PDB file of N, CA and C in Angstrom:
ATOM      1  N   MET A   1      56.467 -66.384 -73.361  1.00  0.00           N
ATOM      2  CA  MET A   1      57.019 -67.692 -73.053  1.00  0.00           C
ATOM      3  C   MET A   1      57.086 -67.860 -71.530  1.00  0.00           C
ATOM      4  N   PRO A   2      56.594 -68.992 -71.030  1.00  0.00           N
ATOM      5  CA  PRO A   2      56.613 -69.189 -69.570  1.00  0.00           C
ATOM      6  C   PRO A   2      58.030 -69.317 -69.020  1.00  0.00           C
ATOM      7  N   GLU A   3      58.178 -68.848 -67.802  1.00  0.00           N
ATOM      8  CA  GLU A   3      59.458 -68.958 -67.103  1.00  0.00           C
ATOM      9  C   GLU A   3      59.728 -70.427 -66.777  1.00  0.00           C
ATOM     10  N   PRO A   4      60.972 -70.882 -66.882  1.00  0.00           N
ATOM     11  CA  PRO A   4      61.261 -72.291 -66.546  1.00  0.00           C
ATOM     12  C   PRO A   4      60.983 -72.590 -65.080  1.00  0.00           C
ATOM     13  N   GLU A   5      60.643 -73.847 -64.821  1.00  0.00           N
ATOM     14  CA  GLU A   5      60.396 -74.243 -63.436  1.00  0.00           C
ATOM     15  C   GLU A   5      61.673 -74.160 -62.623  1.00  0.00           C
ATOM     16  N   ARG A   6      61.541 -73.778 -61.376  1.00  0.00           N
ATOM     17  CA  ARG A   6      62.679 -73.640 -60.467  1.00  0.00           C
ATOM     18  C   ARG A   6      63.003 -74.972 -59.806  1.00  0.00           C
ATOM     19  N   ASP A   7      64.213 -75.055 -59.292  1.00  0.00           N
ATOM     20  CA  ASP A   7      64.634 -76.219 -58.512  1.00  0.00           C
ATOM     21  C   ASP A   7      64.355 -75.948 -57.042  1.00  0.00           C
ATOM     22  N   TYR A   8      63.869 -76.973 -56.344  1.00  0.00           N
ATOM     23  CA  TYR A   8      63.579 -76.875 -54.919  1.00  0.00           C
ATOM     24  C   TYR A   8      64.234 -78.042 -54.202  1.00  0.00           C
ATOM     25  N   ASP A   9      64.738 -77.788 -53.013  1.00  0.00           N
ATOM     26  CA  ASP A   9      65.310 -78.832 -52.172  1.00  0.00           C
ATOM     27  C   ASP A   9      64.322 -79.142 -51.061  1.00  0.00           C
ATOM     28  N   VAL A  10      64.202 -80.435 -50.740  1.00  0.00           N
ATOM     29  CA  VAL A  10      63.270 -80.891 -49.708  1.00  0.00           C
ATOM     30  C   VAL A  10      64.083 -81.329 -48.496  1.00  0.00           C
ATOM     31  N   PHE A  11      63.662 -80.871 -47.322  1.00  0.00           N
ATOM     32  CA  PHE A  11      64.356 -81.152 -46.068  1.00  0.00           C
ATOM     33  C   PHE A  11      63.396 -81.704 -45.037  1.00  0.00           C
ATOM     34  N   GLN A  12      63.933 -82.455 -44.100  1.00  0.00           N
ATOM     35  CA  GLN A  12      63.190 -82.905 -42.931  1.00  0.00           C
ATOM     36  C   GLN A  12      63.844 -82.261 -41.708  1.00  0.00           C
ATOM     37  N   LYS A  13      63.048 -81.640 -40.863  1.00  0.00           N
ATOM     38  CA  LYS A  13      63.545 -81.009 -39.634  1.00  0.00           C
ATOM     39  C   LYS A  13      63.693 -82.090 -38.570  1.00  0.00           C
ATOM     40  N   LEU A  14      64.902 -82.264 -38.055  1.00  0.00           N
ATOM     41  CA  LEU A  14      65.175 -83.297 -37.061  1.00  0.00           C
ATOM     42  C   LEU A  14      64.852 -82.796 -35.653  1.00  0.00           C
ATOM     43  N   SER A  15      64.718 -83.725 -34.726  1.00  0.00           N
ATOM     44  CA  SER A  15      64.360 -83.366 -33.350  1.00  0.00           C
ATOM     45  C   SER A  15      65.422 -82.486 -32.685  1.00  0.00           C
ATOM     46  N   ASP A  16      66.676 -82.570 -33.156  1.00  0.00           N
ATOM     47  CA  ASP A  16      67.725 -81.729 -32.581  1.00  0.00           C
ATOM     48  C   ASP A  16      67.770 -80.336 -33.217  1.00  0.00           C
ATOM     49  N   GLY A  17      66.826 -80.072 -34.137  1.00  0.00           N
ATOM     50  CA  GLY A  17      66.754 -78.769 -34.788  1.00  0.00           C
ATOM     51  C   GLY A  17      67.477 -78.697 -36.112  1.00  0.00           C
ATOM     52  N   GLY A  18      68.253 -79.731 -36.429  1.00  0.00           N
ATOM     53  CA  GLY A  18      68.964 -79.758 -37.698  1.00  0.00           C
ATOM     54  C   GLY A  18      68.036 -80.076 -38.852  1.00  0.00           C
ATOM     55  N   ASP A  19      68.481 -79.748 -40.056  1.00  0.00           N
ATOM     56  CA  ASP A  19      67.724 -80.041 -41.268  1.00  0.00           C
ATOM     57  C   ASP A  19      68.427 -81.142 -42.048  1.00  0.00           C
ATOM     58  N   LEU A  20      67.693 -82.189 -42.399  1.00  0.00           N
ATOM     59  CA  LEU A  20      68.231 -83.310 -43.163  1.00  0.00           C
ATOM     60  C   LEU A  20      67.728 -83.211 -44.596  1.00  0.00           C
ATOM     61  N   TRP A  21      68.649 -83.019 -45.546  1.00  0.00           N
ATOM     62  CA  TRP A  21      68.280 -82.925 -46.960  1.00  0.00           C
ATOM     63  C   TRP A  21      67.715 -84.257 -47.425  1.00  0.00           C
ATOM     64  N   GLN A  22      66.621 -84.213 -48.169  1.00  0.00           N
ATOM     65  CA  GLN A  22      65.977 -85.419 -48.672  1.00  0.00           C
ATOM     66  C   GLN A  22      66.168 -85.594 -50.176  1.00  0.00           C
ATOM     67  N   CYS A  23      65.920 -84.535 -50.954  1.00  0.00           N
ATOM     68  CA  CYS A  23      66.043 -84.630 -52.414  1.00  0.00           C
ATOM     69  C   CYS A  23      65.877 -83.250 -53.037  1.00  0.00           C
ATOM     70  N   SER A  24      66.119 -83.191 -54.327  1.00  0.00           N
ATOM     71  CA  SER A  24      65.864 -81.989 -55.116  1.00  0.00           C
ATOM     72  C   SER A  24      64.806 -82.324 -56.156  1.00  0.00           C
ATOM     73  N   VAL A  25      63.931 -81.368 -56.428  1.00  0.00           N
ATOM     74  CA  VAL A  25      62.885 -81.559 -57.436  1.00  0.00           C
ATOM     75  C   VAL A  25      62.753 -80.298 -58.264  1.00  0.00           C
ATOM     76  N   LYS A  26      62.087 -80.410 -59.387  1.00  0.00           N
ATOM     77  CA  LYS A  26      61.863 -79.272 -60.267  1.00  0.00           C
ATOM     78  C   LYS A  26      60.387 -78.901 -60.227  1.00  0.00           C
ATOM     79  N   GLY A  27      60.100 -77.669 -59.851  1.00  0.00           N
ATOM     80  CA  GLY A  27      58.735 -77.158 -59.869  1.00  0.00           C
ATOM     81  C   GLY A  27      58.005 -77.252 -58.539  1.00  0.00           C
ATOM     82  N   VAL A  28      57.086 -76.317 -58.339  1.00  0.00           N
ATOM     83  CA  VAL A  28      56.302 -76.235 -57.103  1.00  0.00           C
ATOM     84  C   VAL A  28      55.410 -77.458 -56.940  1.00  0.00           C
ATOM     85  N   ALA A  29      54.797 -77.921 -58.021  1.00  0.00           N
ATOM     86  CA  ALA A  29      53.899 -79.079 -57.922  1.00  0.00           C
ATOM     87  C   ALA A  29      54.654 -80.314 -57.433  1.00  0.00           C
ATOM     88  N   ALA A  30      55.822 -80.559 -57.994  1.00  0.00           N
ATOM     89  CA  ALA A  30      56.630 -81.717 -57.574  1.00  0.00           C
ATOM     90  C   ALA A  30      57.088 -81.551 -56.132  1.00  0.00           C
ATOM     91  N   ALA A  31      57.483 -80.352 -55.761  1.00  0.00           N
ATOM     92  CA  ALA A  31      57.924 -80.096 -54.387  1.00  0.00           C
ATOM     93  C   ALA A  31      56.789 -80.357 -53.405  1.00  0.00           C
ATOM     94  N   SER A  32      55.608 -79.876 -53.723  1.00  0.00           N
ATOM     95  CA  SER A  32      54.453 -80.079 -52.854  1.00  0.00           C
ATOM     96  C   SER A  32      54.112 -81.559 -52.712  1.00  0.00           C
ATOM     97  N   GLU A  33      54.198 -82.301 -53.794  1.00  0.00           N
ATOM     98  CA  GLU A  33      53.887 -83.735 -53.761  1.00  0.00           C
ATOM     99  C   GLU A  33      54.891 -84.505 -52.908  1.00  0.00           C
ATOM    100  N   VAL A  34      56.169 -84.218 -53.054  1.00  0.00           N
ATOM    101  CA  VAL A  34      57.197 -84.893 -52.261  1.00  0.00           C
ATOM    102  C   VAL A  34      57.018 -84.564 -50.778  1.00  0.00           C
ATOM    103  N   VAL A  35      56.769 -83.309 -50.478  1.00  0.00           N
ATOM    104  CA  VAL A  35      56.548 -82.894 -49.078  1.00  0.00           C
ATOM    105  C   VAL A  35      55.344 -83.633 -48.503  1.00  0.00           C
ATOM    106  N   ARG A  36      54.272 -83.717 -49.274  1.00  0.00           N
ATOM    107  CA  ARG A  36      53.061 -84.405 -48.825  1.00  0.00           C
ATOM    108  C   ARG A  36      53.356 -85.880 -48.537  1.00  0.00           C
ATOM    109  N   LYS A  37      54.058 -86.543 -49.454  1.00  0.00           N
ATOM    110  CA  LYS A  37      54.362 -87.968 -49.278  1.00  0.00           C
ATOM    111  C   LYS A  37      55.290 -88.216 -48.090  1.00  0.00           C
ATOM    112  N   LEU A  38      56.333 -87.421 -47.967  1.00  0.00           N
ATOM    113  CA  LEU A  38      57.241 -87.591 -46.828  1.00  0.00           C
ATOM    114  C   LEU A  38      56.542 -87.296 -45.508  1.00  0.00           C
ATOM    115  N   GLY A  39      55.635 -86.332 -45.529  1.00  0.00           N
ATOM    116  CA  GLY A  39      54.897 -85.974 -44.323  1.00  0.00           C
ATOM    117  C   GLY A  39      54.012 -87.101 -43.804  1.00  0.00           C
ATOM    118  N   ARG A  40      53.647 -88.004 -44.684  1.00  0.00           N
ATOM    119  CA  ARG A  40      52.819 -89.149 -44.280  1.00  0.00           C
ATOM    120  C   ARG A  40      53.620 -90.229 -43.559  1.00  0.00           C
ATOM    121  N   VAL A  41      54.934 -90.244 -43.743  1.00  0.00           N
ATOM    122  CA  VAL A  41      55.752 -91.319 -43.157  1.00  0.00           C
ATOM    123  C   VAL A  41      56.654 -90.845 -42.023  1.00  0.00           C
ATOM    124  N   THR A  42      56.544 -89.572 -41.668  1.00  0.00           N
ATOM    125  CA  THR A  42      57.318 -89.046 -40.541  1.00  0.00           C
ATOM    126  C   THR A  42      56.458 -88.066 -39.760  1.00  0.00           C
ATOM    127  N   LYS A  43      56.772 -87.935 -38.486  1.00  0.00           N
ATOM    128  CA  LYS A  43      56.106 -86.920 -37.675  1.00  0.00           C
ATOM    129  C   LYS A  43      56.877 -85.611 -37.705  1.00  0.00           C
ATOM    130  N   ASN A  44      58.090 -85.641 -38.249  1.00  0.00           N
ATOM    131  CA  ASN A  44      58.925 -84.445 -38.336  1.00  0.00           C
ATOM    132  C   ASN A  44      58.367 -83.476 -39.371  1.00  0.00           C
ATOM    133  N   GLU A  45      58.687 -82.212 -39.178  1.00  0.00           N
ATOM    134  CA  GLU A  45      58.350 -81.208 -40.181  1.00  0.00           C
ATOM    135  C   GLU A  45      59.117 -81.520 -41.457  1.00  0.00           C
ATOM    136  N   VAL A  46      58.459 -81.361 -42.593  1.00  0.00           N
ATOM    137  CA  VAL A  46      59.077 -81.526 -43.905  1.00  0.00           C
ATOM    138  C   VAL A  46      58.772 -80.252 -44.689  1.00  0.00           C
ATOM    139  N   PHE A  47      59.777 -79.733 -45.398  1.00  0.00           N
ATOM    140  CA  PHE A  47      59.543 -78.519 -46.173  1.00  0.00           C
ATOM    141  C   PHE A  47      60.388 -78.502 -47.435  1.00  0.00           C
ATOM    142  N   ALA A  48      59.931 -77.733 -48.407  1.00  0.00           N
ATOM    143  CA  ALA A  48      60.652 -77.557 -49.671  1.00  0.00           C
ATOM    144  C   ALA A  48      60.969 -76.082 -49.819  1.00  0.00           C
ATOM    145  N   MET A  49      62.189 -75.810 -50.244  1.00  0.00           N
ATOM    146  CA  MET A  49      62.587 -74.409 -50.399  1.00  0.00           C
ATOM    147  C   MET A  49      63.482 -74.217 -51.610  1.00  0.00           C
ATOM    148  N   CYS A  50      63.470 -72.994 -52.105  1.00  0.00           N
ATOM    149  CA  CYS A  50      64.371 -72.564 -53.163  1.00  0.00           C
ATOM    150  C   CYS A  50      65.647 -72.087 -52.469  1.00  0.00           C
ATOM    151  N   ILE A  51      66.730 -72.781 -52.690  1.00  0.00           N
ATOM    152  CA  ILE A  51      67.984 -72.455 -51.999  1.00  0.00           C
ATOM    153  C   ILE A  51      68.476 -71.050 -52.329  1.00  0.00           C
ATOM    154  N   SER A  52      68.302 -70.622 -53.570  1.00  0.00           N
ATOM    155  CA  SER A  52      68.846 -69.315 -53.952  1.00  0.00           C
ATOM    156  C   SER A  52      68.122 -68.141 -53.288  1.00  0.00           C
ATOM    157  N   THR A  53      66.869 -68.336 -52.883  1.00  0.00           N
ATOM    158  CA  THR A  53      66.117 -67.244 -52.265  1.00  0.00           C
ATOM    159  C   THR A  53      65.679 -67.551 -50.833  1.00  0.00           C
ATOM    160  N   ALA A  54      65.822 -68.808 -50.409  1.00  0.00           N
ATOM    161  CA  ALA A  54      65.373 -69.288 -49.095  1.00  0.00           C
ATOM    162  C   ALA A  54      63.850 -69.253 -48.954  1.00  0.00           C
ATOM    163  N   GLU A  55      63.125 -69.151 -50.067  1.00  0.00           N
ATOM    164  CA  GLU A  55      61.666 -69.158 -50.026  1.00  0.00           C
ATOM    165  C   GLU A  55      61.156 -70.578 -49.823  1.00  0.00           C
ATOM    166  N   ILE A  56      60.333 -70.774 -48.811  1.00  0.00           N
ATOM    167  CA  ILE A  56      59.715 -72.071 -48.566  1.00  0.00           C
ATOM    168  C   ILE A  56      58.411 -72.115 -49.352  1.00  0.00           C
ATOM    169  N   VAL A  57      58.266 -73.134 -50.220  1.00  0.00           N
ATOM    170  CA  VAL A  57      57.094 -73.214 -51.093  1.00  0.00           C
ATOM    171  C   VAL A  57      56.100 -74.277 -50.657  1.00  0.00           C
ATOM    172  N   ALA A  58      56.509 -75.198 -49.776  1.00  0.00           N
ATOM    173  CA  ALA A  58      55.587 -76.213 -49.243  1.00  0.00           C
ATOM    174  C   ALA A  58      56.111 -76.666 -47.895  1.00  0.00           C
ATOM    175  N   ARG A  59      55.170 -76.984 -46.996  1.00  0.00           N
ATOM    176  CA  ARG A  59      55.559 -77.419 -45.649  1.00  0.00           C
ATOM    177  C   ARG A  59      54.442 -78.286 -45.099  1.00  0.00           C
ATOM    178  N   THR A  60      54.802 -79.323 -44.344  1.00  0.00           N
ATOM    179  CA  THR A  60      53.809 -80.140 -43.660  1.00  0.00           C
ATOM    180  C   THR A  60      54.362 -80.569 -42.302  1.00  0.00           C
ATOM    181  N   ASN A  61      53.464 -81.016 -41.440  1.00  0.00           N
ATOM    182  CA  ASN A  61      53.800 -81.425 -40.071  1.00  0.00           C
ATOM    183  C   ASN A  61      54.381 -80.279 -39.259  1.00  0.00           C
ATOM    184  N   GLU A  62      54.051 -79.066 -39.619  1.00  0.00           N
ATOM    185  CA  GLU A  62      54.520 -77.899 -38.880  1.00  0.00           C
ATOM    186  C   GLU A  62      53.708 -77.780 -37.591  1.00  0.00           C
ATOM    187  N   ALA A  63      54.378 -77.544 -36.507  1.00  0.00           N
ATOM    188  CA  ALA A  63      53.738 -77.459 -35.183  1.00  0.00           C
ATOM    189  C   ALA A  63      52.928 -78.724 -34.956  1.00  0.00           C
ATOM    190  N   LYS A  64      51.629 -78.603 -34.738  1.00  0.00           N
ATOM    191  CA  LYS A  64      50.806 -79.787 -34.511  1.00  0.00           C
ATOM    192  C   LYS A  64      49.862 -80.034 -35.674  1.00  0.00           C
ATOM    193  N   GLU A  65      50.075 -79.338 -36.765  1.00  0.00           N
ATOM    194  CA  GLU A  65      49.187 -79.472 -37.914  1.00  0.00           C
ATOM    195  C   GLU A  65      49.777 -80.436 -38.918  1.00  0.00           C
ATOM    196  N   ARG A  66      48.914 -81.153 -39.627  1.00  0.00           N
ATOM    197  CA  ARG A  66      49.355 -82.045 -40.688  1.00  0.00           C
ATOM    198  C   ARG A  66      48.893 -81.523 -42.040  1.00  0.00           C
ATOM    199  N   SER A  67      48.501 -80.276 -42.094  1.00  0.00           N
ATOM    200  CA  SER A  67      48.058 -79.722 -43.366  1.00  0.00           C
ATOM    201  C   SER A  67      49.251 -79.211 -44.147  1.00  0.00           C
ATOM    202  N   ILE A  68      49.125 -79.212 -45.452  1.00  0.00           N
ATOM    203  CA  ILE A  68      50.202 -78.708 -46.299  1.00  0.00           C
ATOM    204  C   ILE A  68      49.850 -77.294 -46.722  1.00  0.00           C
ATOM    205  N   GLU A  69      50.836 -76.439 -46.723  1.00  0.00           N
ATOM    206  CA  GLU A  69      50.588 -75.091 -47.179  1.00  0.00           C
ATOM    207  C   GLU A  69      51.500 -74.836 -48.369  1.00  0.00           C
ATOM    208  N   CYS A  70      50.976 -74.168 -49.355  1.00  0.00           N
ATOM    209  CA  CYS A  70      51.751 -73.841 -50.543  1.00  0.00           C
ATOM    210  C   CYS A  70      51.735 -72.333 -50.717  1.00  0.00           C
ATOM    211  N   HIS A  71      52.873 -71.792 -51.033  1.00  0.00           N
ATOM    212  CA  HIS A  71      52.996 -70.356 -51.254  1.00  0.00           C
ATOM    213  C   HIS A  71      53.419 -70.151 -52.698  1.00  0.00           C
ATOM    214  N   ARG A  72      52.731 -69.297 -53.373  1.00  0.00           N
ATOM    215  CA  ARG A  72      53.140 -68.923 -54.721  1.00  0.00           C
ATOM    216  C   ARG A  72      53.260 -67.416 -54.701  1.00  0.00           C
ATOM    217  N   GLY A  73      54.294 -66.928 -55.300  1.00  0.00           N
ATOM    218  CA  GLY A  73      54.398 -65.473 -55.227  1.00  0.00           C
ATOM    219  C   GLY A  73      55.572 -64.881 -55.942  1.00  0.00           C
ATOM    220  N   THR A  74      56.727 -64.939 -55.351  1.00  0.00           N
ATOM    221  CA  THR A  74      57.834 -64.173 -55.898  1.00  0.00           C
ATOM    222  C   THR A  74      58.278 -64.724 -57.241  1.00  0.00           C
ATOM    223  N   ALA A  75      58.506 -63.838 -58.158  1.00  0.00           N
ATOM    224  CA  ALA A  75      58.929 -64.242 -59.496  1.00  0.00           C
ATOM    225  C   ALA A  75      60.279 -64.938 -59.463  1.00  0.00           C
ATOM    226  N   SER A  76      61.077 -64.679 -58.446  1.00  0.00           N
ATOM    227  CA  SER A  76      62.409 -65.261 -58.383  1.00  0.00           C
ATOM    228  C   SER A  76      62.391 -66.755 -58.090  1.00  0.00           C
ATOM    229  N   CYS A  77      61.293 -67.252 -57.521  1.00  0.00           N
ATOM    230  CA  CYS A  77      61.308 -68.655 -57.153  1.00  0.00           C
ATOM    231  C   CYS A  77      59.945 -69.330 -57.288  1.00  0.00           C
ATOM    232  N   ALA A  78      58.984 -68.681 -57.880  1.00  0.00           N
ATOM    233  CA  ALA A  78      57.661 -69.271 -58.016  1.00  0.00           C
ATOM    234  C   ALA A  78      57.540 -69.992 -59.346  1.00  0.00           C
ATOM    235  N   ASN A  79      56.715 -70.992 -59.364  1.00  0.00           N
ATOM    236  CA  ASN A  79      56.399 -71.688 -60.612  1.00  0.00           C
ATOM    237  C   ASN A  79      55.355 -70.852 -61.316  1.00  0.00           C
ATOM    238  N   THR A  80      55.748 -70.183 -62.369  1.00  0.00           N
ATOM    239  CA  THR A  80      54.824 -69.276 -63.053  1.00  0.00           C
ATOM    240  C   THR A  80      54.300 -69.877 -64.341  1.00  0.00           C
ATOM    241  N   SER A  81      54.682 -71.085 -64.676  1.00  0.00           N
ATOM    242  CA  SER A  81      54.194 -71.691 -65.911  1.00  0.00           C
ATOM    243  C   SER A  81      52.749 -72.142 -65.740  1.00  0.00           C
ATOM    244  N   SER A  82      52.011 -72.124 -66.800  1.00  0.00           N
ATOM    245  CA  SER A  82      50.603 -72.539 -66.748  1.00  0.00           C
ATOM    246  C   SER A  82      50.424 -73.936 -67.258  1.00  0.00           C
TER     247      SER A  82
END
């Protein structure tokens, strides 16, 4: 039986270095999509993370890049369902 999808929180990194919470989503795919969409409307870094493990699963607008990166890996916070 597949492991249930994890909850991820999406944040926007502010110019003062603070993190502004945007929303919570279920699953890596949803987190990646929200990060991608928010990244299109802001120049700030946007990222999604699992609060219980602090694992970042999606990020965009990091440094000078606008590419999205997705990490899949740890069983504690990865979307392992097929």
